[in-house]
Protein backbone atom coordinates (compact mmCIF):
# COMPACT_ATOMS: atom_id res chain seq x y z
CA MET A 1 -10.68 -45.67 -0.34
CA PRO A 2 -10.92 -41.87 -0.66
CA ARG A 3 -7.72 -40.23 -1.74
CA SER A 4 -6.12 -37.52 0.41
CA PRO A 5 -4.23 -34.45 -0.89
CA SER A 6 -0.99 -36.11 0.24
CA SER A 7 -1.55 -38.87 -2.33
CA PRO A 8 -0.09 -38.18 -5.82
CA ALA A 9 -3.22 -39.74 -7.37
CA PHE A 10 -5.36 -37.01 -5.74
CA TRP A 11 -4.02 -34.47 -8.25
CA ARG A 12 -5.22 -35.57 -11.67
CA SER A 13 -4.57 -32.67 -14.01
CA PRO A 14 -2.55 -33.81 -17.06
CA LEU A 15 -0.96 -30.34 -17.32
CA ARG A 16 1.27 -30.60 -14.27
CA GLY A 17 4.82 -31.62 -14.90
CA PRO A 18 8.44 -30.47 -14.73
CA TRP A 19 8.45 -28.69 -18.09
CA PHE A 20 5.32 -26.65 -17.42
CA THR A 21 6.49 -25.69 -13.93
CA SER A 22 10.00 -24.87 -15.14
CA VAL A 23 8.78 -22.49 -17.84
CA LEU A 24 6.70 -20.57 -15.30
CA GLY A 25 9.58 -20.62 -12.83
CA VAL A 26 12.04 -19.08 -15.31
CA VAL A 27 9.57 -16.31 -16.16
CA LEU A 28 9.15 -15.54 -12.46
CA LEU A 29 12.89 -15.72 -11.89
CA VAL A 30 13.43 -12.86 -14.32
CA GLY A 31 10.27 -10.93 -13.47
CA ILE A 32 10.63 -11.03 -9.69
CA THR A 33 14.29 -10.02 -9.93
CA VAL A 34 13.24 -6.90 -11.86
CA LEU A 35 10.43 -6.27 -9.36
CA PHE A 36 12.81 -6.46 -6.42
CA VAL A 37 15.38 -4.13 -7.98
CA THR A 38 12.79 -1.54 -9.00
CA GLY A 39 11.21 -1.82 -5.53
CA LEU A 40 14.56 -1.04 -3.90
CA LEU A 41 14.94 1.93 -6.23
CA SER A 42 11.47 3.14 -5.29
CA TYR A 43 12.42 3.06 -1.62
CA ALA A 44 15.70 4.89 -2.31
CA ALA A 45 13.79 7.59 -4.21
CA TYR A 46 12.11 8.63 -0.96
CA ASN A 47 15.53 9.51 0.51
CA PRO A 48 14.72 7.69 3.77
CA ASN A 49 18.13 8.44 5.27
CA LEU A 50 17.58 12.17 4.88
CA SER A 51 15.11 12.76 7.67
CA ALA A 52 12.86 10.81 9.97
CA VAL A 53 9.83 12.33 8.25
CA ASN A 54 10.69 10.53 5.00
CA ASP A 55 11.46 7.18 6.62
CA LYS A 56 8.33 5.05 6.81
CA THR A 57 10.34 1.94 7.76
CA PRO A 58 12.04 2.65 11.11
CA ASP A 59 14.81 0.36 12.40
CA LYS A 60 15.63 -0.90 8.92
CA GLY A 61 19.27 -1.28 9.97
CA ILE A 62 21.36 -3.31 7.55
CA LEU A 63 18.43 -3.58 5.12
CA GLY A 64 19.15 -0.01 4.07
CA PHE A 65 22.77 -0.76 3.17
CA TYR A 66 22.31 0.15 -0.49
CA LEU A 67 20.61 3.54 -0.09
CA PHE A 68 22.02 6.48 -2.04
CA PRO A 69 21.02 10.10 -2.74
CA TRP A 70 18.30 9.96 -5.38
CA PRO A 71 19.36 11.80 -8.56
CA THR A 72 17.38 14.46 -10.42
CA ARG A 73 18.43 13.29 -13.88
CA PRO A 74 16.88 12.06 -16.06
CA VAL A 75 13.60 13.73 -15.11
CA TRP A 76 11.61 10.61 -16.07
CA LEU A 77 13.68 8.25 -13.87
CA TYR A 78 11.06 7.56 -11.19
CA ARG A 79 8.30 7.53 -13.77
CA LEU A 80 10.14 4.69 -15.51
CA THR A 81 11.26 2.62 -12.52
CA GLN A 82 7.96 2.79 -10.64
CA GLY A 83 5.91 2.35 -13.79
CA VAL A 84 7.85 -0.85 -14.55
CA HIS A 85 7.50 -2.01 -10.95
CA VAL A 86 3.73 -1.63 -10.82
CA THR A 87 2.89 -2.75 -14.36
CA LEU A 88 5.19 -5.77 -14.24
CA GLY A 89 3.82 -6.72 -10.82
CA ILE A 90 0.28 -6.73 -12.21
CA ALA A 91 1.37 -8.66 -15.32
CA LEU A 92 2.99 -11.40 -13.23
CA VAL A 93 -0.14 -12.16 -11.22
CA PRO A 94 -1.44 -14.84 -13.67
CA VAL A 95 2.05 -16.35 -13.90
CA LEU A 96 2.35 -16.50 -10.12
CA LEU A 97 -1.08 -18.11 -9.71
CA ALA A 98 -0.31 -20.65 -12.44
CA LYS A 99 3.02 -21.47 -10.82
CA LEU A 100 1.40 -21.97 -7.41
CA TRP A 101 -1.24 -24.20 -9.00
CA SER A 102 1.42 -26.25 -10.78
CA VAL A 103 3.32 -27.07 -7.56
CA VAL A 104 0.41 -27.39 -5.13
CA PRO A 105 0.88 -31.20 -4.80
CA LYS A 106 4.29 -30.53 -3.22
CA LEU A 107 2.71 -28.50 -0.46
CA PHE A 108 0.84 -31.61 0.72
CA ALA A 109 3.56 -34.20 0.09
CA LEU A 110 4.50 -36.55 2.96
CA PRO A 111 6.79 -36.95 4.78
CA PRO A 112 7.34 -33.21 5.34
CA ALA A 113 11.12 -33.62 5.18
CA ARG A 114 13.20 -36.48 3.82
CA SER A 115 16.58 -34.86 4.50
CA LEU A 116 18.11 -31.64 5.73
CA ALA A 117 18.30 -30.30 2.18
CA HIS A 118 14.67 -31.28 1.57
CA ALA A 119 13.64 -29.61 4.85
CA LEU A 120 15.37 -26.38 3.83
CA GLU A 121 13.63 -26.52 0.47
CA ARG A 122 10.22 -27.04 2.08
CA LEU A 123 10.83 -24.16 4.51
CA SER A 124 11.92 -21.88 1.67
CA LEU A 125 8.84 -22.97 -0.27
CA LEU A 126 6.57 -22.05 2.65
CA LEU A 127 8.17 -18.63 3.02
CA LEU A 128 8.23 -18.21 -0.74
CA VAL A 129 4.53 -18.91 -1.22
CA GLY A 130 3.49 -16.87 1.80
CA GLY A 131 5.82 -14.00 0.91
CA ALA A 132 4.72 -13.94 -2.72
CA LEU A 133 1.03 -13.85 -1.81
CA PHE A 134 1.66 -11.14 0.80
CA GLU A 135 3.76 -8.90 -1.46
CA PHE A 136 1.51 -9.18 -4.51
CA THR A 137 -1.67 -8.73 -2.43
CA THR A 138 -0.45 -5.64 -0.56
CA GLY A 139 0.97 -4.21 -3.79
CA VAL A 140 -2.30 -4.61 -5.68
CA LEU A 141 -4.29 -3.19 -2.76
CA ASN A 142 -2.00 -0.16 -2.64
CA ILE A 143 -2.48 0.45 -6.36
CA GLN A 144 -6.24 0.31 -5.81
CA LEU A 145 -5.97 2.63 -2.76
CA ASP A 146 -7.55 -0.06 -0.55
CA TYR A 147 -5.58 0.14 2.69
CA VAL A 148 -7.36 -2.70 4.47
CA PHE A 149 -4.17 -4.18 5.90
CA PRO A 150 -3.02 -3.19 9.43
CA GLY A 151 -0.15 -0.76 9.70
CA SER A 152 1.73 1.26 7.12
CA PHE A 153 1.96 -0.06 3.57
CA TYR A 154 5.56 1.15 3.33
CA THR A 155 6.68 -0.80 6.40
CA LEU A 156 4.76 -3.96 5.59
CA HIS A 157 5.78 -4.06 1.94
CA PHE A 158 9.43 -3.25 2.69
CA TYR A 159 10.00 -5.91 5.35
CA GLY A 160 7.83 -8.40 3.49
CA ALA A 161 9.97 -7.91 0.40
CA TRP A 162 13.16 -8.81 2.26
CA VAL A 163 11.62 -11.96 3.77
CA PHE A 164 10.26 -12.95 0.37
CA ILE A 165 13.49 -12.31 -1.51
CA ALA A 166 15.49 -14.35 1.04
CA ALA A 167 13.18 -17.31 0.44
CA PHE A 168 13.21 -16.64 -3.29
CA VAL A 169 17.01 -16.68 -3.51
CA THR A 170 17.22 -19.84 -1.40
CA HIS A 171 14.64 -21.58 -3.56
CA ALA A 172 16.30 -20.37 -6.75
CA VAL A 173 19.70 -21.73 -5.69
CA LEU A 174 18.12 -25.10 -4.95
CA ARG A 175 15.81 -25.36 -7.97
CA VAL A 176 17.02 -23.22 -10.87
CA PRO A 177 19.60 -25.79 -12.11
CA THR A 178 16.84 -28.41 -12.20
CA ALA A 179 14.47 -26.03 -13.97
CA PHE A 180 16.95 -25.32 -16.77
CA ARG A 181 17.78 -29.02 -17.02
CA ASN A 182 14.08 -29.77 -17.42
CA LEU A 183 13.84 -27.23 -20.24
CA ARG A 184 16.89 -28.61 -22.03
CA HIS A 185 16.58 -32.35 -21.66
CA VAL A 186 12.91 -33.34 -21.77
CA ARG A 187 11.93 -35.17 -24.93
CA ARG A 188 8.82 -34.71 -27.03
CA PRO A 189 6.26 -37.50 -26.57
CA SER A 190 4.38 -39.04 -29.43
CA THR A 191 1.54 -39.85 -27.07
CA GLY A 192 0.78 -38.99 -23.48
CA PRO A 193 -1.43 -37.05 -21.14
CA ALA A 194 -0.74 -33.71 -22.82
CA SER A 195 0.62 -34.50 -26.24
CA GLY A 196 2.11 -31.76 -28.31
CA SER A 197 4.23 -30.44 -25.44
CA PRO A 198 7.84 -31.28 -24.66
CA GLU A 199 7.31 -33.58 -21.66
CA ARG A 200 8.04 -37.17 -20.82
CA ALA A 201 5.60 -39.52 -22.51
CA SER A 202 4.42 -40.99 -19.24
CA GLY A 203 5.60 -38.19 -17.01
CA LEU A 204 7.13 -40.87 -14.77
CA PRO A 205 10.67 -42.28 -14.56
CA GLY A 206 11.42 -45.22 -16.77
CA ALA A 207 12.42 -48.70 -15.67
CA GLY A 208 15.58 -48.62 -13.62
CA GLU A 209 15.57 -44.80 -13.62
CA PRO A 210 15.63 -43.15 -10.17
CA ALA A 211 12.66 -41.05 -9.21
CA ARG A 212 13.26 -37.33 -9.38
CA PRO A 213 11.64 -34.73 -7.07
CA GLU A 214 10.06 -32.99 -10.04
CA ASP A 215 8.30 -36.23 -11.05
CA GLU A 216 6.06 -35.73 -8.00
CA LEU A 217 4.21 -33.13 -10.03
CA VAL A 218 3.09 -35.64 -12.66
CA SER A 219 -0.16 -37.42 -11.88
CA PRO A 220 -0.02 -41.23 -12.02
CA ASP A 221 -3.73 -41.23 -12.90
CA PRO A 222 -4.33 -38.16 -15.10
CA LEU A 223 -7.67 -37.11 -16.48
CA PRO A 224 -8.12 -36.85 -20.26
CA PRO A 225 -6.47 -33.66 -21.55
CA THR A 226 -8.59 -30.76 -22.74
CA VAL A 227 -5.71 -28.41 -23.57
CA SER A 228 -1.99 -28.82 -24.20
CA ARG A 229 0.63 -27.43 -21.89
CA ARG A 230 1.56 -24.87 -24.52
CA GLY A 231 -2.09 -23.90 -24.74
CA ALA A 232 -2.18 -23.42 -20.96
CA LEU A 233 0.92 -21.24 -21.13
CA GLY A 234 -0.74 -19.23 -23.89
CA PHE A 235 -3.76 -18.73 -21.65
CA VAL A 236 -1.55 -17.52 -18.79
CA GLY A 237 0.40 -15.24 -21.13
CA GLY A 238 -2.82 -13.87 -22.59
CA GLY A 239 -4.03 -13.01 -19.09
CA SER A 240 -0.80 -11.12 -18.45
CA VAL A 241 -1.12 -9.21 -21.72
CA LEU A 242 -4.72 -8.31 -20.90
CA LEU A 243 -3.71 -6.99 -17.47
CA VAL A 244 -0.94 -4.89 -19.00
CA ALA A 245 -3.36 -3.49 -21.59
CA THR A 246 -5.87 -2.52 -18.89
CA THR A 247 -3.29 -1.10 -16.48
CA ALA A 248 -0.36 0.49 -18.32
CA GLY A 249 -2.41 3.44 -19.62
CA HIS A 250 -2.35 5.06 -16.16
CA GLY A 251 1.21 6.09 -16.97
CA PHE A 252 0.11 8.31 -19.84
CA ASP A 253 -2.09 11.33 -20.41
CA GLY A 254 -4.77 11.65 -23.05
CA PRO A 255 -7.00 8.90 -24.52
CA LEU A 256 -4.61 6.08 -23.57
CA ARG A 257 -5.35 6.68 -19.87
CA GLU A 258 -8.93 5.62 -20.51
CA THR A 259 -7.70 2.09 -21.32
CA ALA A 260 -6.46 1.68 -17.72
CA LEU A 261 -9.73 0.12 -16.59
CA LEU A 262 -8.16 -1.71 -13.63
CA ALA A 263 -6.30 1.31 -12.29
CA PRO A 264 -7.96 3.83 -9.96
CA HIS A 265 -6.47 6.68 -11.98
CA GLY A 266 -7.50 5.35 -15.33
CA GLY A 267 -10.85 7.02 -15.88
CA ALA A 268 -11.75 10.42 -17.27
CA GLU A 269 -9.30 13.28 -17.05
CA PRO A 270 -9.86 15.69 -14.10
CA GLY A 271 -11.32 18.51 -16.12
CA SER A 272 -9.78 20.14 -19.16
CA GLY A 273 -7.43 22.98 -19.99
CA PRO A 274 -3.96 23.66 -18.58
CA ASN A 275 -4.79 22.05 -15.22
CA GLY A 276 -6.54 19.07 -16.80
CA PHE A 277 -4.06 16.35 -15.81
CA GLN A 278 -4.01 13.68 -13.15
CA ILE A 279 -4.79 14.56 -9.53
CA ASN A 280 -3.95 12.17 -6.72
CA LYS A 281 -5.36 13.93 -3.62
CA THR A 282 -7.86 16.77 -3.88
CA ALA A 283 -7.84 19.90 -1.73
CA ALA A 284 -11.15 18.91 -0.15
CA SER A 285 -9.87 15.46 0.81
CA ARG A 286 -6.98 17.09 2.68
CA GLY A 287 -9.03 19.72 4.47
CA ILE A 288 -7.75 22.68 2.45
CA THR A 289 -10.14 25.65 2.47
CA ALA A 290 -10.39 28.60 0.11
CA THR A 291 -10.09 31.00 3.04
CA GLU A 292 -6.62 29.87 4.14
CA THR A 293 -5.27 29.78 0.59
CA SER A 294 -6.60 33.20 -0.39
CA GLU A 295 -4.21 35.94 -1.51
CA GLU A 296 -4.98 37.89 1.66
CA ALA A 297 -4.44 35.06 4.17
CA TRP A 298 -1.71 32.83 2.77
CA ARG A 299 1.95 33.47 3.48
CA LEU A 300 4.94 31.26 2.77
CA VAL A 301 7.32 31.10 5.74
CA VAL A 302 10.94 30.46 4.70
CA THR A 303 13.51 29.83 7.44
CA GLY A 304 17.29 29.51 7.15
CA LYS A 305 20.44 29.74 9.22
CA ASP A 306 20.21 33.42 10.05
CA ARG A 307 16.81 34.75 9.10
CA THR A 308 13.14 34.03 8.41
CA VAL A 309 11.05 35.66 5.68
CA ARG A 310 7.32 35.65 5.03
CA LEU A 311 6.22 35.98 1.42
CA SER A 312 2.80 36.52 -0.08
CA ARG A 313 1.99 35.07 -3.46
CA THR A 314 2.30 38.54 -4.97
CA GLU A 315 5.80 38.89 -3.52
CA LEU A 316 6.75 35.46 -4.87
CA ARG A 317 5.58 36.48 -8.34
CA GLU A 318 7.90 39.49 -8.16
CA LEU A 319 10.95 37.25 -7.69
CA PRO A 320 12.77 35.83 -10.74
CA LEU A 321 10.55 33.09 -12.19
CA TYR A 322 11.73 30.07 -14.17
CA SER A 323 10.03 27.31 -16.12
CA ALA A 324 10.64 23.56 -16.30
CA ALA A 325 8.91 20.70 -18.13
CA LEU A 326 8.49 17.91 -15.59
CA PRO A 327 6.18 14.92 -15.09
CA ILE A 328 4.53 13.77 -11.87
CA ALA A 329 4.96 10.11 -10.97
CA CYS A 330 3.32 8.31 -8.03
CA VAL A 331 4.20 5.20 -6.03
CA GLU A 332 0.90 3.73 -7.24
CA GLY A 333 2.39 3.56 -10.73
CA TRP A 334 0.51 6.34 -12.48
CA SER A 335 2.26 9.32 -13.99
CA THR A 336 1.58 12.33 -16.17
CA SER A 337 3.38 13.52 -19.24
CA ASP A 338 5.59 16.59 -18.92
CA GLN A 339 3.76 19.69 -17.69
CA TRP A 340 5.19 23.20 -17.92
CA TRP A 341 5.69 24.53 -14.40
CA ARG A 342 6.68 28.09 -13.59
CA GLY A 343 7.79 29.47 -10.24
CA VAL A 344 10.70 30.36 -7.97
CA ARG A 345 13.76 28.12 -7.87
CA LEU A 346 14.22 26.36 -4.53
CA ARG A 347 17.86 27.39 -4.44
CA ASP A 348 16.82 31.03 -4.83
CA LEU A 349 14.55 30.69 -1.80
CA ALA A 350 17.53 29.27 0.10
CA GLY A 351 19.45 32.36 -0.98
CA LEU A 352 16.83 34.58 0.65
CA VAL A 353 17.59 33.09 4.08
CA GLY A 354 21.36 33.23 4.08
CA TYR A 355 22.68 30.43 1.87
CA GLU A 356 24.77 30.64 -1.26
CA LYS A 357 22.61 29.36 -4.08
CA ASP A 358 25.19 26.81 -5.19
CA ALA A 359 25.55 25.60 -1.60
CA ALA A 360 21.86 25.34 -0.78
CA PRO A 361 21.24 22.67 1.90
CA ASP A 362 18.45 20.18 2.47
CA VAL A 363 14.97 21.53 3.01
CA LEU A 364 12.02 20.48 5.12
CA VAL A 365 8.71 21.30 3.43
CA GLU A 366 5.44 21.55 5.35
CA SER A 367 1.97 21.56 3.84
CA LEU A 368 -1.29 23.16 4.92
CA GLN A 369 -2.99 19.75 4.71
CA ARG A 370 -4.42 18.48 7.99
CA HIS A 371 -3.91 14.76 7.55
CA GLY A 372 -2.44 12.12 5.24
CA ALA A 373 1.04 10.81 4.55
CA PHE A 374 3.91 13.20 3.84
CA ARG A 375 2.25 16.31 5.26
CA VAL A 376 5.89 17.12 5.97
CA ALA A 377 8.56 15.97 3.51
CA ALA A 378 12.28 16.54 3.09
CA LEU A 379 14.40 17.07 -0.03
CA ARG A 380 18.14 16.53 -0.40
CA ASP A 381 20.55 19.31 -1.22
CA ASN A 382 21.14 17.98 -4.75
CA GLN A 383 17.39 18.26 -5.35
CA VAL A 384 17.27 21.79 -3.93
CA ARG A 385 20.20 22.93 -6.08
CA ASP A 386 18.84 21.55 -9.35
CA PRO A 387 17.78 24.59 -11.45
CA ARG A 388 14.57 22.80 -12.44
CA SER A 389 13.41 22.34 -8.83
CA LEU A 390 10.72 24.95 -8.29
CA LEU A 391 8.18 26.29 -5.88
CA ALA A 392 5.62 26.36 -8.65
CA LEU A 393 2.93 29.05 -8.88
CA PHE A 394 1.72 28.28 -12.40
CA VAL A 395 1.32 25.26 -14.62
CA ASN A 396 0.91 25.30 -18.39
CA GLY A 397 0.55 29.08 -18.38
CA GLU A 398 -2.18 29.38 -15.74
CA ASP A 399 -2.44 29.61 -11.95
CA LEU A 400 -2.43 26.30 -10.16
CA THR A 401 -5.90 25.07 -9.27
CA PRO A 402 -6.61 24.20 -5.61
CA ASP A 403 -6.40 20.48 -6.41
CA HIS A 404 -2.96 20.97 -7.98
CA GLY A 405 -1.63 22.78 -4.93
CA TYR A 406 -2.65 26.46 -5.14
CA PRO A 407 -1.25 28.80 -3.94
CA ALA A 408 2.16 27.07 -4.33
CA ARG A 409 3.59 23.58 -4.63
CA VAL A 410 7.00 21.98 -4.91
CA ILE A 411 7.98 20.28 -8.16
CA VAL A 412 11.29 18.39 -8.33
CA PRO A 413 12.67 16.40 -11.27
CA ALA A 414 12.59 12.59 -10.88
CA ALA A 415 11.12 12.72 -7.36
CA PRO A 416 8.15 10.59 -6.23
CA GLY A 417 4.89 12.49 -6.33
CA VAL A 418 4.48 12.64 -2.54
CA LEU A 419 7.72 14.67 -2.29
CA ASN A 420 6.26 17.28 -4.66
CA THR A 421 4.39 18.82 -1.76
CA LYS A 422 1.18 20.74 -2.47
CA TRP A 423 -0.29 23.69 -0.52
CA VAL A 424 3.15 24.62 0.82
CA ALA A 425 3.07 26.64 4.07
CA ARG A 426 6.64 26.54 5.40
CA MET A 427 10.14 25.71 4.11
CA THR A 428 13.02 25.22 6.52
CA PHE A 429 16.49 25.08 4.97
CA GLY A 430 19.37 23.39 6.77
CA ASP A 431 21.21 20.07 7.09
CA LEU A 432 18.72 17.36 8.06
């Protein structure tokens, strides 16, 4: 009689078992916890409570309970947290796939629910598997700049993360004690379907021993082994290491960036010289023309509580100029090393329109770009007041190039790249 997926004998791999699954589960327990925390920090870095223009997740309600003003120190803060978030997420893909493979018999087990506790576990498992696949898939697509999913990535990823973490916590409460017990109390077999790994010799309960839920993972009719469980874990770990090696370089400048073969920003540097560092969106892709950014045509409009001023680039150069060494870091995980920016302090611009420099308020920044996310972005007062926050005119001793935001761009320490607005046209200071 043909076996169905609901039959334990249908699944014949000798690798499945409580020890193998528990090891993968503990790795994911730690890794996903770090992913969730760094994801929350990434959302906070956008200052979504500051202004509706920064909030890509409307009606978040209680889900935004933890939000706080994003700091400007240390300058590499967002570069670190988002770099960890993206690189760790990529590294965990093989672990997640191996974990799902190891527990797939449970997804087909009958009856669907043997008790209320078992029903809750199955429901959490369904949400856990679906949430994990959704979050990892949308995250990887965002890194690759493939926005094939409907709606905004920010909204989908944010709400998906909360659904996933609710299922994850529920599942962890139910299963983590068993996972650690499996790691502590299994005994090493002398023979068995995958000898050389710390698993039960038969993988099944002994005489008079009650069946355990985790024993469902062990095949009663396993195929001959071709690799040990430790060997399989080594294969999974090797896949993670390979993904890190071919992704992490997008967080660095120079030759190491060329090792980021799987990252869209990991190829050749965008030119050479002082402006030869990573570019996310080019001027052409955002509809910026040389005519509107020319010295003759472009004017910066700065508005405050009691006046408005219009400044040419020449007039901006005549104001006190300051320098700051700051990186650029993007939500997609890539970042640059520190670049030397030179321009007018944001708090000095606030001073031109009626504010005390040390009491400079929030600012709304508008770009010349015609389309794309964050054409308008807002910065908090602590970001405006930081002496390293600049309306930059130069980088590394030369004028900005069009792709780096000429004639002027915002650069703020520790802020996500999209808040470092390029091709600035208007700045409006005031409480937002």
